[in-house]
Structure formats: C-alpha cells, structure tokens
C-alpha atoms as a PDB file:
ATOM      1  CA  UNK A   1       1.865  24.004 -15.987  1.00  0.00           C
ATOM      2  CA  UNK A   2      -1.949  24.463 -15.665  1.00  0.00           C
ATOM      3  CA  UNK A   3      -3.251  25.173 -12.219  1.00  0.00           C
ATOM      4  CA  UNK A   4      -6.641  26.686 -13.275  1.00  0.00           C
ATOM      5  CA  UNK A   5      -9.717  24.679 -12.948  1.00  0.00           C
ATOM      6  CA  UNK A   6     -12.563  24.803 -15.415  1.00  0.00           C
ATOM      7  CA  UNK A   7     -16.100  23.712 -15.395  1.00  0.00           C
ATOM      8  CA  UNK A   8     -15.012  20.502 -17.025  1.00  0.00           C
ATOM      9  CA  UNK A   9     -12.558  19.554 -14.241  1.00  0.00           C
ATOM     10  CA  UNK A  10     -12.124  15.990 -13.411  1.00  0.00           C
ATOM     11  CA  UNK A  11     -12.718  15.282  -9.704  1.00  0.00           C
ATOM     12  CA  UNK A  12     -11.291  12.601  -7.313  1.00  0.00           C
ATOM     13  CA  UNK A  13     -10.288  12.462  -3.698  1.00  0.00           C
ATOM     14  CA  UNK A  14      -9.577  10.297  -0.618  1.00  0.00           C
ATOM     15  CA  UNK A  15     -12.088   9.197   1.834  1.00  0.00           C
ATOM     16  CA  UNK A  16     -10.993   8.454   5.415  1.00  0.00           C
ATOM     17  CA  UNK A  17     -11.502   9.498   9.128  1.00  0.00           C
ATOM     18  CA  UNK A  18      -9.281  11.248  10.160  1.00  0.00           C
ATOM     19  CA  UNK A  19      -8.046  12.566   6.836  1.00  0.00           C
ATOM     20  CA  UNK A  20      -5.635  15.423   7.780  1.00  0.00           C
ATOM     21  CA  UNK A  21      -2.520  13.023   7.979  1.00  0.00           C
ATOM     22  CA  UNK A  22      -3.083  11.595   4.275  1.00  0.00           C
ATOM     23  CA  UNK A  23      -0.222  12.399   1.728  1.00  0.00           C
ATOM     24  CA  UNK A  24      -2.499  11.403  -1.048  1.00  0.00           C
ATOM     25  CA  UNK A  25      -3.595  14.975  -1.869  1.00  0.00           C
ATOM     26  CA  UNK A  26      -0.141  16.170  -1.983  1.00  0.00           C
ATOM     27  CA  UNK A  27       1.064  13.405  -4.260  1.00  0.00           C
ATOM     28  CA  UNK A  28      -1.958  13.639  -6.636  1.00  0.00           C
ATOM     29  CA  UNK A  29      -1.836  17.313  -6.671  1.00  0.00           C
ATOM     30  CA  UNK A  30       1.902  17.051  -7.783  1.00  0.00           C
ATOM     31  CA  UNK A  31       0.971  14.739 -10.690  1.00  0.00           C
ATOM     32  CA  UNK A  32      -2.158  17.089 -11.670  1.00  0.00           C
ATOM     33  CA  UNK A  33       0.438  20.092 -11.976  1.00  0.00           C
ATOM     34  CA  UNK A  34       3.168  18.008 -13.622  1.00  0.00           C
ATOM     35  CA  UNK A  35       0.781  16.744 -16.484  1.00  0.00           C
ATOM     36  CA  UNK A  36      -1.292  19.866 -16.517  1.00  0.00           C
ATOM     37  CA  UNK A  37      -4.391  18.176 -15.944  1.00  0.00           C
ATOM     38  CA  UNK A  38      -7.613  19.985 -15.532  1.00  0.00           C
ATOM     39  CA  UNK A  39      -8.588  18.305 -12.401  1.00  0.00           C
ATOM     40  CA  UNK A  40      -8.651  18.453  -8.529  1.00  0.00           C
ATOM     41  CA  UNK A  41      -8.005  15.643  -5.927  1.00  0.00           C
ATOM     42  CA  UNK A  42      -9.468  16.594  -2.463  1.00  0.00           C
ATOM     43  CA  UNK A  43      -9.477  15.113   0.993  1.00  0.00           C
ATOM     44  CA  UNK A  44     -12.865  13.920   2.028  1.00  0.00           C
ATOM     45  CA  UNK A  45     -13.429  13.431   5.902  1.00  0.00           C
ATOM     46  CA  UNK A  46     -15.961  10.821   6.066  1.00  0.00           C
ATOM     47  CA  UNK A  47     -17.108   9.113   9.359  1.00  0.00           C
ATOM     48  CA  UNK A  48     -17.825   5.424   9.516  1.00  0.00           C
ATOM     49  CA  UNK A  49     -21.625   5.967   9.862  1.00  0.00           C
ATOM     50  CA  UNK A  50     -21.580   8.001   6.694  1.00  0.00           C
ATOM     51  CA  UNK A  51     -19.316   6.114   4.556  1.00  0.00           C
ATOM     52  CA  UNK A  52     -21.782   4.017   2.528  1.00  0.00           C
ATOM     53  CA  UNK A  53     -23.830   7.041   1.786  1.00  0.00           C
ATOM     54  CA  UNK A  54     -20.913   9.036   0.818  1.00  0.00           C
ATOM     55  CA  UNK A  55     -19.621   6.558  -1.594  1.00  0.00           C
ATOM     56  CA  UNK A  56     -22.995   6.297  -3.439  1.00  0.00           C
ATOM     57  CA  UNK A  57     -22.941  10.086  -3.910  1.00  0.00           C
ATOM     58  CA  UNK A  58     -19.561  10.082  -5.814  1.00  0.00           C
ATOM     59  CA  UNK A  59     -21.134   9.686  -9.187  1.00  0.00           C
ATOM     60  CA  UNK A  60     -24.037  12.212  -8.231  1.00  0.00           C
ATOM     61  CA  UNK A  61     -21.476  14.857  -7.451  1.00  0.00           C
ATOM     62  CA  UNK A  62     -19.435  14.326 -10.802  1.00  0.00           C
ATOM     63  CA  UNK A  63     -16.604  12.518  -9.106  1.00  0.00           C
ATOM     64  CA  UNK A  64     -14.475  10.208 -11.425  1.00  0.00           C
ATOM     65  CA  UNK A  65     -13.578   8.056  -8.389  1.00  0.00           C
ATOM     66  CA  UNK A  66     -11.688   8.188  -4.939  1.00  0.00           C
ATOM     67  CA  UNK A  67      -9.209   6.456  -2.964  1.00  0.00           C
ATOM     68  CA  UNK A  68     -10.282   4.849   0.295  1.00  0.00           C
ATOM     69  CA  UNK A  69      -7.950   4.781   3.572  1.00  0.00           C
ATOM     70  CA  UNK A  70      -8.543   3.768   7.313  1.00  0.00           C
ATOM     71  CA  UNK A  71     -10.812   2.933   8.611  1.00  0.00           C
ATOM     72  CA  UNK A  72     -12.918   2.378   5.325  1.00  0.00           C
ATOM     73  CA  UNK A  73     -11.217  -0.036   3.227  1.00  0.00           C
ATOM     74  CA  UNK A  74     -13.133  -3.131   4.175  1.00  0.00           C
ATOM     75  CA  UNK A  75     -16.428  -1.315   4.085  1.00  0.00           C
ATOM     76  CA  UNK A  76     -15.649  -0.047   0.576  1.00  0.00           C
ATOM     77  CA  UNK A  77     -15.731  -3.650  -0.512  1.00  0.00           C
ATOM     78  CA  UNK A  78     -19.433  -3.918   0.353  1.00  0.00           C
ATOM     79  CA  UNK A  79     -20.148  -0.310  -0.896  1.00  0.00           C
ATOM     80  CA  UNK A  80     -19.066  -0.811  -4.494  1.00  0.00           C
ATOM     81  CA  UNK A  81     -21.240  -2.386  -7.221  1.00  0.00           C
ATOM     82  CA  UNK A  82     -18.370  -4.704  -8.426  1.00  0.00           C
ATOM     83  CA  UNK A  83     -14.827  -5.448  -7.067  1.00  0.00           C
ATOM     84  CA  UNK A  84     -11.875  -6.703  -8.752  1.00  0.00           C
ATOM     85  CA  UNK A  85     -10.629 -10.378  -8.073  1.00  0.00           C
ATOM     86  CA  UNK A  86      -7.725  -8.916  -5.938  1.00  0.00           C
ATOM     87  CA  UNK A  87      -9.897  -6.783  -3.857  1.00  0.00           C
ATOM     88  CA  UNK A  88     -12.191  -9.599  -2.961  1.00  0.00           C
ATOM     89  CA  UNK A  89      -9.333 -11.920  -2.112  1.00  0.00           C
ATOM     90  CA  UNK A  90      -7.770  -9.267   0.108  1.00  0.00           C
ATOM     91  CA  UNK A  91     -11.184  -8.374   1.624  1.00  0.00           C
ATOM     92  CA  UNK A  92     -10.578  -4.445   0.959  1.00  0.00           C
ATOM     93  CA  UNK A  93     -10.857  -1.788  -1.527  1.00  0.00           C
ATOM     94  CA  UNK A  94      -8.537   1.283  -1.729  1.00  0.00           C
ATOM     95  CA  UNK A  95      -9.418   2.685  -5.164  1.00  0.00           C
ATOM     96  CA  UNK A  96     -12.962   3.372  -6.481  1.00  0.00           C
ATOM     97  CA  UNK A  97     -13.840   4.277 -10.082  1.00  0.00           C
ATOM     98  CA  UNK A  98     -17.083   5.612 -11.131  1.00  0.00           C
ATOM     99  CA  UNK A  99     -17.845   4.090 -14.696  1.00  0.00           C
ATOM    100  CA  UNK A 100     -19.626   5.545 -17.510  1.00  0.00           C
ATOM    101  CA  UNK A 101     -23.020   4.146 -16.364  1.00  0.00           C
ATOM    102  CA  UNK A 102     -22.387   5.752 -12.846  1.00  0.00           C
ATOM    103  CA  UNK A 103     -21.707   2.271 -11.276  1.00  0.00           C
ATOM    104  CA  UNK A 104     -18.844   1.850  -8.870  1.00  0.00           C
ATOM    105  CA  UNK A 105     -15.669  -0.346  -9.404  1.00  0.00           C
ATOM    106  CA  UNK A 106     -13.494  -1.280  -6.536  1.00  0.00           C
ATOM    107  CA  UNK A 107      -9.715  -2.273  -6.763  1.00  0.00           C
ATOM    108  CA  UNK A 108      -7.026  -2.872  -4.313  1.00  0.00           C
ATOM    109  CA  UNK A 109      -3.632  -1.515  -5.590  1.00  0.00           C
ATOM    110  CA  UNK A 110      -1.667  -1.938  -2.315  1.00  0.00           C
ATOM    111  CA  UNK A 111      -0.117  -5.159  -3.747  1.00  0.00           C
ATOM    112  CA  UNK A 112       0.694  -3.474  -6.963  1.00  0.00           C
ATOM    113  CA  UNK A 113       2.279  -0.656  -5.129  1.00  0.00           C
ATOM    114  CA  UNK A 114       4.399  -2.959  -3.059  1.00  0.00           C
ATOM    115  CA  UNK A 115       5.779  -4.914  -5.965  1.00  0.00           C
ATOM    116  CA  UNK A 116       6.333  -1.928  -8.107  1.00  0.00           C
ATOM    117  CA  UNK A 117       8.402  -0.397  -4.985  1.00  0.00           C
ATOM    118  CA  UNK A 118      10.617  -3.317  -4.834  1.00  0.00           C
ATOM    119  CA  UNK A 119      11.221  -3.533  -8.577  1.00  0.00           C
ATOM    120  CA  UNK A 120      12.106   0.290  -8.630  1.00  0.00           C
ATOM    121  CA  UNK A 121      14.387  -0.136  -5.554  1.00  0.00           C
ATOM    122  CA  UNK A 122      15.805  -3.761  -6.167  1.00  0.00           C
ATOM    123  CA  UNK A 123      16.768  -4.186  -9.779  1.00  0.00           C
ATOM    124  CA  UNK A 124      17.983  -7.812  -9.331  1.00  0.00           C
ATOM    125  CA  UNK A 125      15.251  -8.997  -7.135  1.00  0.00           C
ATOM    126  CA  UNK A 126      12.233 -11.065  -8.260  1.00  0.00           C
ATOM    127  CA  UNK A 127       9.733 -13.221  -6.317  1.00  0.00           C
ATOM    128  CA  UNK A 128      11.166 -16.502  -7.674  1.00  0.00           C
ATOM    129  CA  UNK A 129      14.477 -16.075  -6.101  1.00  0.00           C
ATOM    130  CA  UNK A 130      13.525 -17.872  -2.936  1.00  0.00           C
ATOM    131  CA  UNK A 131      11.422 -17.802   0.260  1.00  0.00           C
ATOM    132  CA  UNK A 132       9.900 -14.621   1.471  1.00  0.00           C
ATOM    133  CA  UNK A 133       9.244 -13.743   5.160  1.00  0.00           C
ATOM    134  CA  UNK A 134       6.352 -11.443   5.956  1.00  0.00           C
ATOM    135  CA  UNK A 135       5.723 -10.095   9.578  1.00  0.00           C
ATOM    136  CA  UNK A 136       2.119  -9.359  10.288  1.00  0.00           C
ATOM    137  CA  UNK A 137      -1.432 -10.514   9.215  1.00  0.00           C
ATOM    138  CA  UNK A 138      -3.325  -7.313   8.993  1.00  0.00           C
ATOM    139  CA  UNK A 139      -4.932  -5.473   5.899  1.00  0.00           C
ATOM    140  CA  UNK A 140      -1.550  -4.575   4.458  1.00  0.00           C
ATOM    141  CA  UNK A 141      -0.189  -8.328   4.951  1.00  0.00           C
ATOM    142  CA  UNK A 142      -3.028  -9.539   2.934  1.00  0.00           C
ATOM    143  CA  UNK A 143      -2.141  -7.361   0.022  1.00  0.00           C
ATOM    144  CA  UNK A 144       1.436  -8.124   0.225  1.00  0.00           C
ATOM    145  CA  UNK A 145       1.091 -11.870   0.560  1.00  0.00           C
ATOM    146  CA  UNK A 146      -1.420 -11.925  -2.338  1.00  0.00           C
ATOM    147  CA  UNK A 147       1.040  -9.971  -4.590  1.00  0.00           C
ATOM    148  CA  UNK A 148       3.948 -12.209  -3.699  1.00  0.00           C
ATOM    149  CA  UNK A 149       1.967 -15.487  -4.201  1.00  0.00           C
ATOM    150  CA  UNK A 150       0.711 -14.095  -7.470  1.00  0.00           C
ATOM    151  CA  UNK A 151       4.247 -13.220  -8.347  1.00  0.00           C
ATOM    152  CA  UNK A 152       5.429 -16.593  -8.057  1.00  0.00           C
ATOM    153  CA  UNK A 153       7.416 -16.808  -4.625  1.00  0.00           C
ATOM    154  CA  UNK A 154       8.063 -20.355  -4.047  1.00  0.00           C
ATOM    155  CA  UNK A 155       7.540 -20.276  -0.296  1.00  0.00           C
ATOM    156  CA  UNK A 156       5.991 -17.613   1.965  1.00  0.00           C
ATOM    157  CA  UNK A 157       6.608 -17.731   5.726  1.00  0.00           C
ATOM    158  CA  UNK A 158       3.897 -15.775   7.514  1.00  0.00           C
ATOM    159  CA  UNK A 159       4.853 -14.627  11.130  1.00  0.00           C
ATOM    160  CA  UNK A 160       2.307 -13.019  13.161  1.00  0.00           C
ATOM    161  CA  UNK A 161       1.797 -12.637  17.064  1.00  0.00           C
ATOM    162  CA  UNK A 162      -1.653 -14.031  16.811  1.00  0.00           C
ATOM    163  CA  UNK A 163      -1.636 -17.456  14.961  1.00  0.00           C
ATOM    164  CA  UNK A 164      -5.342 -17.445  14.228  1.00  0.00           C
ATOM    165  CA  UNK A 165      -5.137 -14.229  12.147  1.00  0.00           C
ATOM    166  CA  UNK A 166      -2.288 -15.555  10.262  1.00  0.00           C
ATOM    167  CA  UNK A 167      -3.985 -18.926   9.514  1.00  0.00           C
ATOM    168  CA  UNK A 168      -7.101 -17.108   8.331  1.00  0.00           C
ATOM    169  CA  UNK A 169      -5.057 -14.950   5.819  1.00  0.00           C
ATOM    170  CA  UNK A 170      -3.284 -18.088   4.478  1.00  0.00           C
ATOM    171  CA  UNK A 171      -6.630 -19.806   4.043  1.00  0.00           C
ATOM    172  CA  UNK A 172      -8.013 -16.662   2.072  1.00  0.00           C
ATOM    173  CA  UNK A 173      -4.996 -15.931  -0.010  1.00  0.00           C
ATOM    174  CA  UNK A 174      -4.036 -19.732  -0.748  1.00  0.00           C
ATOM    175  CA  UNK A 175      -0.717 -20.667  -2.242  1.00  0.00           C
ATOM    176  CA  UNK A 176       2.668 -21.647  -0.579  1.00  0.00           C
ATOM    177  CA  UNK A 177       2.073 -19.959   2.796  1.00  0.00           C
ATOM    178  CA  UNK A 178       3.449 -21.339   5.901  1.00  0.00           C
ATOM    179  CA  UNK A 179       2.453 -20.009   9.224  1.00  0.00           C
ATOM    180  CA  UNK A 180       5.126 -19.492  11.582  1.00  0.00           C
ATOM    181  CA  UNK A 181       4.653 -18.621  15.514  1.00  0.00           C
ATOM    182  CA  UNK A 182       6.006 -15.321  16.713  1.00  0.00           C
ATOM    183  CA  UNK A 183       8.378 -17.245  18.923  1.00  0.00           C
ATOM    184  CA  UNK A 184       9.932 -18.921  15.984  1.00  0.00           C
ATOM    185  CA  UNK A 185      10.411 -15.606  14.073  1.00  0.00           C
ATOM    186  CA  UNK A 186      14.172 -15.641  13.743  1.00  0.00           C
ATOM    187  CA  UNK A 187      14.403 -19.201  12.565  1.00  0.00           C
ATOM    188  CA  UNK A 188      11.841 -18.279   9.770  1.00  0.00           C
ATOM    189  CA  UNK A 189      14.879 -16.012   8.373  1.00  0.00           C
ATOM    190  CA  UNK A 190      16.926 -19.073   7.402  1.00  0.00           C
ATOM    191  CA  UNK A 191      17.410 -19.203   3.594  1.00  0.00           C
ATOM    192  CA  UNK A 192      14.958 -16.002   2.997  1.00  0.00           C
ATOM    193  CA  UNK A 193      15.532 -13.875  -0.027  1.00  0.00           C
ATOM    194  CA  UNK A 194      12.989 -11.216   1.148  1.00  0.00           C
ATOM    195  CA  UNK A 195      12.082  -9.937   4.665  1.00  0.00           C
ATOM    196  CA  UNK A 196       8.884  -7.666   4.845  1.00  0.00           C
ATOM    197  CA  UNK A 197       7.480  -5.954   7.891  1.00  0.00           C
ATOM    198  CA  UNK A 198       3.822  -5.097   7.517  1.00  0.00           C
ATOM    199  CA  UNK A 199       3.241  -4.506  11.327  1.00  0.00           C
ATOM    200  CA  UNK A 200       3.336  -1.071  12.990  1.00  0.00           C
ATOM    201  CA  UNK A 201       6.346  -2.233  15.351  1.00  0.00           C
ATOM    202  CA  UNK A 202       9.080   0.243  14.570  1.00  0.00           C
ATOM    203  CA  UNK A 203       6.689   2.884  13.469  1.00  0.00           C
ATOM    204  CA  UNK A 204       7.165   6.186  15.374  1.00  0.00           C
ATOM    205  CA  UNK A 205       5.074   6.189  18.385  1.00  0.00           C
ATOM    206  CA  UNK A 206       4.820   2.338  18.271  1.00  0.00           C
ATOM    207  CA  UNK A 207       6.912  -0.354  20.315  1.00  0.00           C
ATOM    208  CA  UNK A 208      10.135  -1.394  18.572  1.00  0.00           C
ATOM    209  CA  UNK A 209      10.333  -4.455  16.403  1.00  0.00           C
ATOM    210  CA  UNK A 210      12.170  -7.262  18.417  1.00  0.00           C
ATOM    211  CA  UNK A 211      13.839  -9.248  15.580  1.00  0.00           C
ATOM    212  CA  UNK A 212      17.586 -10.132  15.437  1.00  0.00           C
ATOM    213  CA  UNK A 213      18.875 -10.614  11.894  1.00  0.00           C
ATOM    214  CA  UNK A 214      21.689 -12.907  12.410  1.00  0.00           C
ATOM    215  CA  UNK A 215      20.052 -15.884  10.606  1.00  0.00           C
ATOM    216  CA  UNK A 216      19.020 -13.698   7.519  1.00  0.00           C
ATOM    217  CA  UNK A 217      21.263 -14.372   4.639  1.00  0.00           C
ATOM    218  CA  UNK A 218      23.227 -11.184   3.544  1.00  0.00           C
ATOM    219  CA  UNK A 219      21.736 -11.236   0.046  1.00  0.00           C
ATOM    220  CA  UNK A 220      18.138 -11.089   1.338  1.00  0.00           C
ATOM    221  CA  UNK A 221      16.322  -7.863   0.680  1.00  0.00           C
ATOM    222  CA  UNK A 222      14.600  -6.106   3.518  1.00  0.00           C
ATOM    223  CA  UNK A 223      11.580  -3.797   3.169  1.00  0.00           C
ATOM    224  CA  UNK A 224       9.207  -1.995   5.635  1.00  0.00           C
ATOM    225  CA  UNK A 225       5.943  -0.788   4.668  1.00  0.00           C
ATOM    226  CA  UNK A 226       6.172   1.948   7.443  1.00  0.00           C
ATOM    227  CA  UNK A 227       7.324   5.323   6.023  1.00  0.00           C
ATOM    228  CA  UNK A 228       7.265   7.274   9.343  1.00  0.00           C
ATOM    229  CA  UNK A 229      10.244   7.169  10.077  1.00  0.00           C
ATOM    230  CA  UNK A 230      11.422   6.549   6.581  1.00  0.00           C
ATOM    231  CA  UNK A 231      14.381   4.637   7.796  1.00  0.00           C
ATOM    232  CA  UNK A 232      13.016   2.337  10.409  1.00  0.00           C
ATOM    233  CA  UNK A 233      15.191   0.554  12.863  1.00  0.00           C
ATOM    234  CA  UNK A 234      14.741  -2.559  10.846  1.00  0.00           C
ATOM    235  CA  UNK A 235      15.985  -1.020   7.844  1.00  0.00           C
ATOM    236  CA  UNK A 236      18.965   0.614   9.543  1.00  0.00           C
ATOM    237  CA  UNK A 237      19.963  -2.631  11.129  1.00  0.00           C
ATOM    238  CA  UNK A 238      19.660  -4.424   7.752  1.00  0.00           C
ATOM    239  CA  UNK A 239      21.742  -1.824   5.965  1.00  0.00           C
ATOM    240  CA  UNK A 240      24.336  -1.946   8.565  1.00  0.00           C
ATOM    241  CA  UNK A 241      24.906  -5.562   7.854  1.00  0.00           C
ATOM    242  CA  UNK A 242      24.938  -5.247   4.072  1.00  0.00           C
ATOM    243  CA  UNK A 243      21.540  -6.332   3.171  1.00  0.00           C
ATOM    244  CA  UNK A 244      19.904  -4.677   0.267  1.00  0.00           C
ATOM    245  CA  UNK A 245      17.004  -2.208   1.650  1.00  0.00           C
ATOM    246  CA  UNK A 246      13.740  -0.490   0.399  1.00  0.00           C
ATOM    247  CA  UNK A 247      11.869   1.843   2.487  1.00  0.00           C
ATOM    248  CA  UNK A 248       7.914   2.099   2.476  1.00  0.00           C
ATOM    249  CA  UNK A 249       7.242   5.372   0.851  1.00  0.00           C
ATOM    250  CA  UNK A 250       7.554   3.933  -2.630  1.00  0.00           C
ATOM    251  CA  UNK A 251       4.759   1.718  -1.941  1.00  0.00           C
ATOM    252  CA  UNK A 252       2.431   4.617  -1.241  1.00  0.00           C
ATOM    253  CA  UNK A 253       3.372   6.429  -4.369  1.00  0.00           C
ATOM    254  CA  UNK A 254       3.134   3.384  -6.769  1.00  0.00           C
ATOM    255  CA  UNK A 255      -0.224   2.218  -5.379  1.00  0.00           C
ATOM    256  CA  UNK A 256      -1.534   5.773  -6.278  1.00  0.00           C
ATOM    257  CA  UNK A 257      -0.662   5.253 -10.149  1.00  0.00           C
ATOM    258  CA  UNK A 258      -3.684   3.019 -11.205  1.00  0.00           C
ATOM    259  CA  UNK A 259      -6.223   5.246  -9.717  1.00  0.00           C
ATOM    260  CA  UNK A 260      -4.766   8.467 -11.169  1.00  0.00           C
ATOM    261  CA  UNK A 261      -4.489   6.894 -14.481  1.00  0.00           C
ATOM    262  CA  UNK A 262      -8.303   5.933 -14.326  1.00  0.00           C
ATOM    263  CA  UNK A 263      -9.633   9.243 -13.072  1.00  0.00           C
ATOM    264  CA  UNK A 264      -7.399  11.616 -15.068  1.00  0.00           C
ATOM    265  CA  UNK A 265      -6.443   9.772 -18.105  1.00  0.00           C
ATOM    266  CA  UNK A 266      -2.692  10.133 -17.753  1.00  0.00           C
ATOM    267  CA  UNK A 267      -0.339   7.140 -16.755  1.00  0.00           C
ATOM    268  CA  UNK A 268       1.879   9.058 -14.099  1.00  0.00           C
ATOM    269  CA  UNK A 269       5.421   8.180 -13.175  1.00  0.00           C
ATOM    270  CA  UNK A 270       7.053   8.042  -9.751  1.00  0.00           C
ATOM    271  CA  UNK A 271      10.164  10.252 -10.036  1.00  0.00           C
ATOM    272  CA  UNK A 272      12.948  11.332  -7.507  1.00  0.00           C
ATOM    273  CA  UNK A 273      11.509  14.729  -7.741  1.00  0.00           C
ATOM    274  CA  UNK A 274       8.063  13.534  -6.830  1.00  0.00           C
ATOM    275  CA  UNK A 275       9.470  11.545  -3.837  1.00  0.00           C
ATOM    276  CA  UNK A 276      11.319  14.648  -2.535  1.00  0.00           C
ATOM    277  CA  UNK A 277       7.855  16.732  -2.714  1.00  0.00           C
ATOM    278  CA  UNK A 278       6.058  14.110  -0.821  1.00  0.00           C
ATOM    279  CA  UNK A 279       8.930  13.964   1.773  1.00  0.00           C
ATOM    280  CA  UNK A 280       8.627  17.567   2.487  1.00  0.00           C
ATOM    281  CA  UNK A 281       4.834  17.055   3.207  1.00  0.00           C
ATOM    282  CA  UNK A 282       5.722  14.565   5.697  1.00  0.00           C
ATOM    283  CA  UNK A 283       8.258  17.122   7.518  1.00  0.00           C
ATOM    284  CA  UNK A 284       5.463  19.730   7.354  1.00  0.00           C
ATOM    285  CA  UNK A 285       3.131  17.395   9.552  1.00  0.00           C
ATOM    286  CA  UNK A 286       5.712  17.044  12.054  1.00  0.00           C
END
C-alpha cells in the first residue's frame, strides 16, 4: 500500500473545536492506505470565530474539501456557496466539497450513514415495515428523521423532553411525524418496528436513559447513535429481551463514504477489518 505523498496529493480534513477526539482522521487514513491513494486527511482545529474564514480558505490551500463536526455544522450551512436539499432541510452541513471552479458545495451525509448502518446490520429491516420511534430532537435527530421519512416510514413518533424543539423539527422535516411527550415515551413503543435513540442519555459520562421496553414488540429493531460505549445500556437491555440491535459506530463509518469518494475518487467500503481498526482508536483515547 502506498503511504508516500507526492506534490500532487489530494487533501481533505475535518474541521471542529476541539478536534482531538475525532475518529475521522483514523477512518479516512485507513481508506487512504487501503486504496493506495496519494492523499492526506488531517484534523483542523478551528475556533467558532475563525470558522467562516477557514472554510473560504479551503480552495486557496488546495483542499478537495472537508468534513465538519461540532460545533460548526450549522455555521457550515451559511458558509458554503450551495447546499444540497437534505442539508438545507436538516439545517446543517457535515461534508464540504470544493468544486472545479473553487466554489463550495455542502452536503449532510448523517442520514445516509444512519440508513446504511441499519441496512448493513439488519438485512430484513426496511422503513416501510411500520412505525419508528425517535428519541431526541437535536441535529442528529433531524438527519435521522429526514432519512426515515424519505425512506418511506409510515409513521414517525418523535419523543423529546422539550416539546417545542420536537414540534419545530416536525415542521421543518415534514411528513408523517407525530410529536409525543416525554411522559408518554413508553406508550409510543406500542407496535413500533424501530426504536432509535439520538440523545446523549446512556452515553459515557451522561445520565442514563430511563426507558422501560416492555411495550416494545420483540421484532422491533433498536439502534443507538451513541458509540461510546459501543453497547449502550439501551442496546444491552434490548438484546436481552431478543430485539435485534445495531450499534452507532456504523453510522459514523458509513456517513464518511460520500465525502471520501468525492475528494479522493474512490468509492470506499465499510468492512469488519476497518471497523476493528477504528475501534482500536477509540480504546487508545480512553
């Protein structure tokens, strides 16, 4: 595998603040080595006040583009010259591509990553099987809800602790979204075919997710976009009662695919070997 950069190397990176926790350089670096690409993907620590200027410098510095992570995803929508429909609908950009004329195109691949992760982990599942329950109404929930609605889910029950945020999300995304109060979260599980947690509840260092699963059908799939820990208490509880589960790491891996293809000209694959390599990076951060 080629690991030597030439003067013609293609450049990309990830912009965030802070950025040291990001697994993106590790996973893109894996693909660069795997496909012997003459290129580099680097962490770019950019403060809020410097973000807009840094984005405009990407074409001047010869970058093919960049990923965008917290806290810049919403600001990236305003910083690009053009944004894809899903990015405008979600209100955030996580992938920027420098076009041939130097203009900046913004995408949001989080919903793509979410759906591809489910497809990879649940061969029999599809959005049309029945109602989906989504916990949370933040940026990740917007991407997940848009992907499920566009994928054909017949009913989406959106459960959030702050009702106004859920109502705003439902209005922005459109489609068959019903806002359910946090107090009624367990009744929302009746007849569901998918339960997705997009909140930080259950994440390492965060409060637990208080949700009894007795009313969730045994055939319902359960996924958590959190991947630290990889097996969240929600996934452990769901698996113990026989529900099929999918962890959140695959969403991170699959959402990276469109950007890599655009910047480096190779359609990458998410493999078990790659997953193991990225997981080792998580352990190194502990």
